Amino acid sequence: MAKVADKIYGLIKETVENCGVRLWNVVFVKEGSSHYLRVFIDSDEGVSIDDCTNVSHAIDPIIDDADPIDCSYYLEVCSPGLSRELTR
């Protein structure tokens, strides 16, 4: 699943940054019977719900066009939060 996340990271990085935030991380996980694509964004001013909504709307068609995931999944765009893990 890490390969899927890496591919999506590359696909959406520029678009996320054009939305005025940084792409923190992308993870694709299975929890129970569901799959989740989680896109973590950050900025020096913090992340608002509007930031998450704007990024979600901007990246959804990019991911759909590339079609890198062969199963149904939930797209979540959120902040890494205060207890964020260091990545990349």
N, C-alpha and C. Protein backbone atom coordinates (compact mmCIF):
# COMPACT_ATOMS: atom_id res chain seq x y z
N MET A 1 0.82 -1.20 0.00
CA MET A 1 0.00 0.00 0.00
C MET A 1 0.85 1.26 0.00
N ALA A 2 2.11 1.13 0.42
CA ALA A 2 3.01 2.29 0.43
C ALA A 2 3.27 2.78 -0.99
N LYS A 3 3.33 1.86 -1.96
CA LYS A 3 3.56 2.27 -3.35
C LYS A 3 2.43 3.13 -3.86
N VAL A 4 1.20 2.80 -3.48
CA VAL A 4 0.04 3.60 -3.88
C VAL A 4 0.16 5.00 -3.29
N ALA A 5 0.50 5.09 -2.02
CA ALA A 5 0.63 6.38 -1.35
C ALA A 5 1.73 7.22 -2.00
N ASP A 6 2.86 6.59 -2.32
CA ASP A 6 3.96 7.32 -2.96
C ASP A 6 3.55 7.85 -4.33
N LYS A 7 2.84 7.04 -5.09
CA LYS A 7 2.39 7.46 -6.41
C LYS A 7 1.45 8.65 -6.30
N ILE A 8 0.50 8.57 -5.38
CA ILE A 8 -0.46 9.65 -5.20
C ILE A 8 0.24 10.92 -4.71
N TYR A 9 1.21 10.76 -3.82
CA TYR A 9 1.98 11.90 -3.33
C TYR A 9 2.55 12.68 -4.51
N GLY A 10 3.18 11.97 -5.43
CA GLY A 10 3.75 12.61 -6.61
C GLY A 10 2.70 13.25 -7.51
N LEU A 11 1.55 12.62 -7.62
CA LEU A 11 0.48 13.13 -8.48
C LEU A 11 -0.12 14.45 -7.96
N ILE A 12 -0.23 14.58 -6.64
CA ILE A 12 -1.00 15.70 -6.09
C ILE A 12 -0.15 16.80 -5.45
N LYS A 13 1.14 16.58 -5.27
CA LYS A 13 1.98 17.54 -4.54
C LYS A 13 1.86 18.96 -5.06
N GLU A 14 2.02 19.16 -6.36
CA GLU A 14 1.96 20.51 -6.92
C GLU A 14 0.59 21.14 -6.74
N THR A 15 -0.46 20.37 -6.94
CA THR A 15 -1.82 20.88 -6.80
C THR A 15 -2.09 21.30 -5.36
N VAL A 16 -1.66 20.48 -4.40
CA VAL A 16 -1.84 20.82 -2.98
C VAL A 16 -1.13 22.14 -2.67
N GLU A 17 0.10 22.27 -3.13
CA GLU A 17 0.86 23.50 -2.88
C GLU A 17 0.21 24.71 -3.55
N ASN A 18 -0.42 24.51 -4.71
CA ASN A 18 -1.14 25.60 -5.37
C ASN A 18 -2.37 26.03 -4.58
N CYS A 19 -2.81 25.20 -3.65
CA CYS A 19 -3.93 25.55 -2.77
C CYS A 19 -3.46 26.35 -1.56
N GLY A 20 -2.16 26.61 -1.47
CA GLY A 20 -1.63 27.45 -0.38
C GLY A 20 -1.24 26.69 0.87
N VAL A 21 -1.11 25.38 0.78
CA VAL A 21 -0.70 24.57 1.94
C VAL A 21 0.40 23.60 1.49
N ARG A 22 1.05 22.97 2.47
CA ARG A 22 2.08 21.98 2.18
C ARG A 22 1.49 20.58 2.28
N LEU A 23 1.96 19.70 1.43
CA LEU A 23 1.59 18.28 1.52
C LEU A 23 2.51 17.64 2.55
N TRP A 24 1.94 17.20 3.66
CA TRP A 24 2.72 16.62 4.75
C TRP A 24 2.99 15.14 4.52
N ASN A 25 1.92 14.40 4.16
CA ASN A 25 2.07 12.96 3.97
C ASN A 25 0.82 12.42 3.29
N VAL A 26 0.96 11.24 2.70
CA VAL A 26 -0.17 10.51 2.12
C VAL A 26 -0.05 9.07 2.60
N VAL A 27 -1.14 8.53 3.13
CA VAL A 27 -1.16 7.13 3.55
C VAL A 27 -2.40 6.46 2.98
N PHE A 28 -2.24 5.20 2.63
CA PHE A 28 -3.36 4.38 2.15
C PHE A 28 -3.41 3.16 3.04
N VAL A 29 -4.49 3.02 3.80
CA VAL A 29 -4.59 1.96 4.80
C VAL A 29 -5.93 1.24 4.70
N LYS A 30 -5.91 0.01 5.19
CA LYS A 30 -7.14 -0.75 5.32
C LYS A 30 -7.47 -0.83 6.80
N GLU A 31 -8.68 -0.45 7.15
CA GLU A 31 -9.16 -0.53 8.52
C GLU A 31 -10.48 -1.28 8.49
N GLY A 32 -10.48 -2.46 9.05
CA GLY A 32 -11.66 -3.31 8.96
C GLY A 32 -11.86 -3.71 7.51
N SER A 33 -13.06 -3.50 7.01
CA SER A 33 -13.33 -3.86 5.61
C SER A 33 -13.21 -2.65 4.67
N SER A 34 -12.82 -1.50 5.20
CA SER A 34 -12.74 -0.28 4.40
C SER A 34 -11.30 0.16 4.16
N HIS A 35 -11.08 0.81 3.02
CA HIS A 35 -9.78 1.41 2.68
C HIS A 35 -9.89 2.93 2.79
N TYR A 36 -8.82 3.55 3.27
CA TYR A 36 -8.79 4.99 3.45
C TYR A 36 -7.55 5.57 2.79
N LEU A 37 -7.74 6.61 2.00
CA LEU A 37 -6.64 7.38 1.47
C LEU A 37 -6.64 8.68 2.26
N ARG A 38 -5.60 8.84 3.08
CA ARG A 38 -5.51 10.01 3.95
C ARG A 38 -4.41 10.93 3.44
N VAL A 39 -4.80 12.16 3.19
CA VAL A 39 -3.89 13.18 2.71
C VAL A 39 -3.74 14.21 3.83
N PHE A 40 -2.53 14.34 4.34
CA PHE A 40 -2.27 15.26 5.44
C PHE A 40 -1.65 16.54 4.89
N ILE A 41 -2.23 17.68 5.25
CA ILE A 41 -1.74 18.97 4.79
C ILE A 41 -1.38 19.84 5.99
N ASP A 42 -0.52 20.82 5.76
CA ASP A 42 -0.10 21.70 6.85
C ASP A 42 0.25 23.07 6.29
N SER A 43 0.27 24.06 7.15
CA SER A 43 0.74 25.40 6.80
C SER A 43 1.18 26.09 8.08
N ASP A 44 1.96 27.14 7.92
CA ASP A 44 2.45 27.88 9.09
C ASP A 44 1.31 28.53 9.87
N GLU A 45 0.22 28.84 9.19
CA GLU A 45 -0.93 29.48 9.82
C GLU A 45 -1.93 28.46 10.39
N GLY A 46 -1.67 27.19 10.20
CA GLY A 46 -2.60 26.14 10.61
C GLY A 46 -3.49 25.76 9.43
N VAL A 47 -4.28 24.74 9.64
CA VAL A 47 -5.14 24.21 8.59
C VAL A 47 -6.60 24.36 9.01
N SER A 48 -7.39 24.95 8.13
CA SER A 48 -8.81 25.12 8.42
C SER A 48 -9.63 24.07 7.67
N ILE A 49 -10.88 23.96 8.01
CA ILE A 49 -11.77 23.06 7.30
C ILE A 49 -11.90 23.49 5.84
N ASP A 50 -11.83 24.80 5.59
CA ASP A 50 -11.88 25.28 4.21
C ASP A 50 -10.66 24.82 3.42
N ASP A 51 -9.48 24.82 4.06
CA ASP A 51 -8.28 24.31 3.40
C ASP A 51 -8.47 22.84 3.01
N CYS A 52 -9.00 22.05 3.93
CA CYS A 52 -9.22 20.63 3.66
C CYS A 52 -10.22 20.44 2.53
N THR A 53 -11.28 21.22 2.53
CA THR A 53 -12.30 21.13 1.48
C THR A 53 -11.72 21.51 0.13
N ASN A 54 -10.97 22.62 0.09
CA ASN A 54 -10.38 23.08 -1.17
C ASN A 54 -9.41 22.05 -1.74
N VAL A 55 -8.57 21.49 -0.89
CA VAL A 55 -7.61 20.49 -1.34
C VAL A 55 -8.35 19.24 -1.83
N SER A 56 -9.34 18.81 -1.08
CA SER A 56 -10.11 17.63 -1.46
C SER A 56 -10.72 17.80 -2.85
N HIS A 57 -11.35 18.96 -3.09
CA HIS A 57 -11.97 19.22 -4.39
C HIS A 57 -10.93 19.32 -5.50
N ALA A 58 -9.73 19.82 -5.18
CA ALA A 58 -8.68 19.99 -6.19
C ALA A 58 -8.03 18.66 -6.57
N ILE A 59 -7.84 17.77 -5.59
CA ILE A 59 -7.11 16.53 -5.87
C ILE A 59 -8.00 15.38 -6.31
N ASP A 60 -9.27 15.42 -5.98
CA ASP A 60 -10.17 14.31 -6.31
C ASP A 60 -10.16 13.98 -7.80
N PRO A 61 -10.30 14.96 -8.71
CA PRO A 61 -10.29 14.61 -10.13
C PRO A 61 -8.93 14.10 -10.62
N ILE A 62 -7.85 14.55 -10.00
CA ILE A 62 -6.52 14.08 -10.38
C ILE A 62 -6.37 12.60 -10.05
N ILE A 63 -6.80 12.25 -8.86
CA ILE A 63 -6.72 10.85 -8.43
C ILE A 63 -7.66 9.99 -9.27
N ASP A 64 -8.87 10.48 -9.53
CA ASP A 64 -9.82 9.73 -10.35
C ASP A 64 -9.28 9.49 -11.76
N ASP A 65 -8.67 10.51 -12.35
CA ASP A 65 -8.13 10.37 -13.71
C ASP A 65 -6.98 9.37 -13.77
N ALA A 66 -6.11 9.41 -12.77
CA ALA A 66 -4.95 8.49 -12.74
C ALA A 66 -5.39 7.07 -12.39
N ASP A 67 -6.44 6.94 -11.58
CA ASP A 67 -7.01 5.66 -11.17
C ASP A 67 -5.97 4.66 -10.62
N PRO A 68 -5.16 5.09 -9.61
CA PRO A 68 -4.11 4.23 -9.09
C PRO A 68 -4.58 3.21 -8.04
N ILE A 69 -5.85 3.28 -7.66
CA ILE A 69 -6.37 2.41 -6.60
C ILE A 69 -7.43 1.50 -7.20
N ASP A 70 -7.25 0.20 -7.03
CA ASP A 70 -8.14 -0.77 -7.68
C ASP A 70 -9.30 -1.24 -6.80
N CYS A 71 -9.60 -0.48 -5.75
CA CYS A 71 -10.73 -0.83 -4.88
C CYS A 71 -11.41 0.47 -4.44
N SER A 72 -12.57 0.34 -3.84
CA SER A 72 -13.24 1.54 -3.34
C SER A 72 -12.53 2.00 -2.07
N TYR A 73 -12.56 3.31 -1.83
CA TYR A 73 -11.86 3.87 -0.68
C TYR A 73 -12.52 5.19 -0.29
N TYR A 74 -12.21 5.64 0.90
CA TYR A 74 -12.65 6.93 1.40
C TYR A 74 -11.47 7.89 1.33
N LEU A 75 -11.68 9.08 0.77
CA LEU A 75 -10.66 10.12 0.72
C LEU A 75 -10.84 11.03 1.92
N GLU A 76 -9.79 11.18 2.71
CA GLU A 76 -9.81 12.09 3.85
C GLU A 76 -8.65 13.07 3.71
N VAL A 77 -8.94 14.36 3.81
CA VAL A 77 -7.92 15.39 3.81
C VAL A 77 -7.96 16.05 5.17
N CYS A 78 -6.81 16.08 5.87
CA CYS A 78 -6.80 16.59 7.23
C CYS A 78 -5.42 17.12 7.60
N SER A 79 -5.34 17.71 8.77
CA SER A 79 -4.09 18.20 9.34
C SER A 79 -3.38 17.04 10.02
N PRO A 80 -2.04 17.05 10.06
CA PRO A 80 -1.34 15.99 10.77
C PRO A 80 -1.51 16.11 12.29
N GLY A 81 -1.99 17.24 12.79
CA GLY A 81 -2.24 17.42 14.21
C GLY A 81 -0.96 17.70 15.00
N LEU A 82 -1.14 17.93 16.28
CA LEU A 82 0.00 18.27 17.13
C LEU A 82 0.91 17.08 17.40
N SER A 83 0.36 15.88 17.38
CA SER A 83 1.17 14.69 17.68
C SER A 83 1.68 14.04 16.41
N ARG A 84 1.92 14.83 15.38
CA ARG A 84 2.34 14.34 14.07
C ARG A 84 3.65 13.57 14.14
N GLU A 85 3.72 12.52 13.33
CA GLU A 85 4.95 11.77 13.19
C GLU A 85 5.81 12.43 12.13
N LEU A 86 7.11 12.40 12.32
CA LEU A 86 8.01 12.91 11.29
C LEU A 86 8.06 11.91 10.14
N THR A 87 7.87 12.42 8.93
CA THR A 87 7.91 11.58 7.73
C THR A 87 8.74 12.29 6.68
N ARG A 88 9.01 11.61 5.63
CA ARG A 88 9.74 12.15 4.48
C ARG A 88 10.85 13.07 4.91
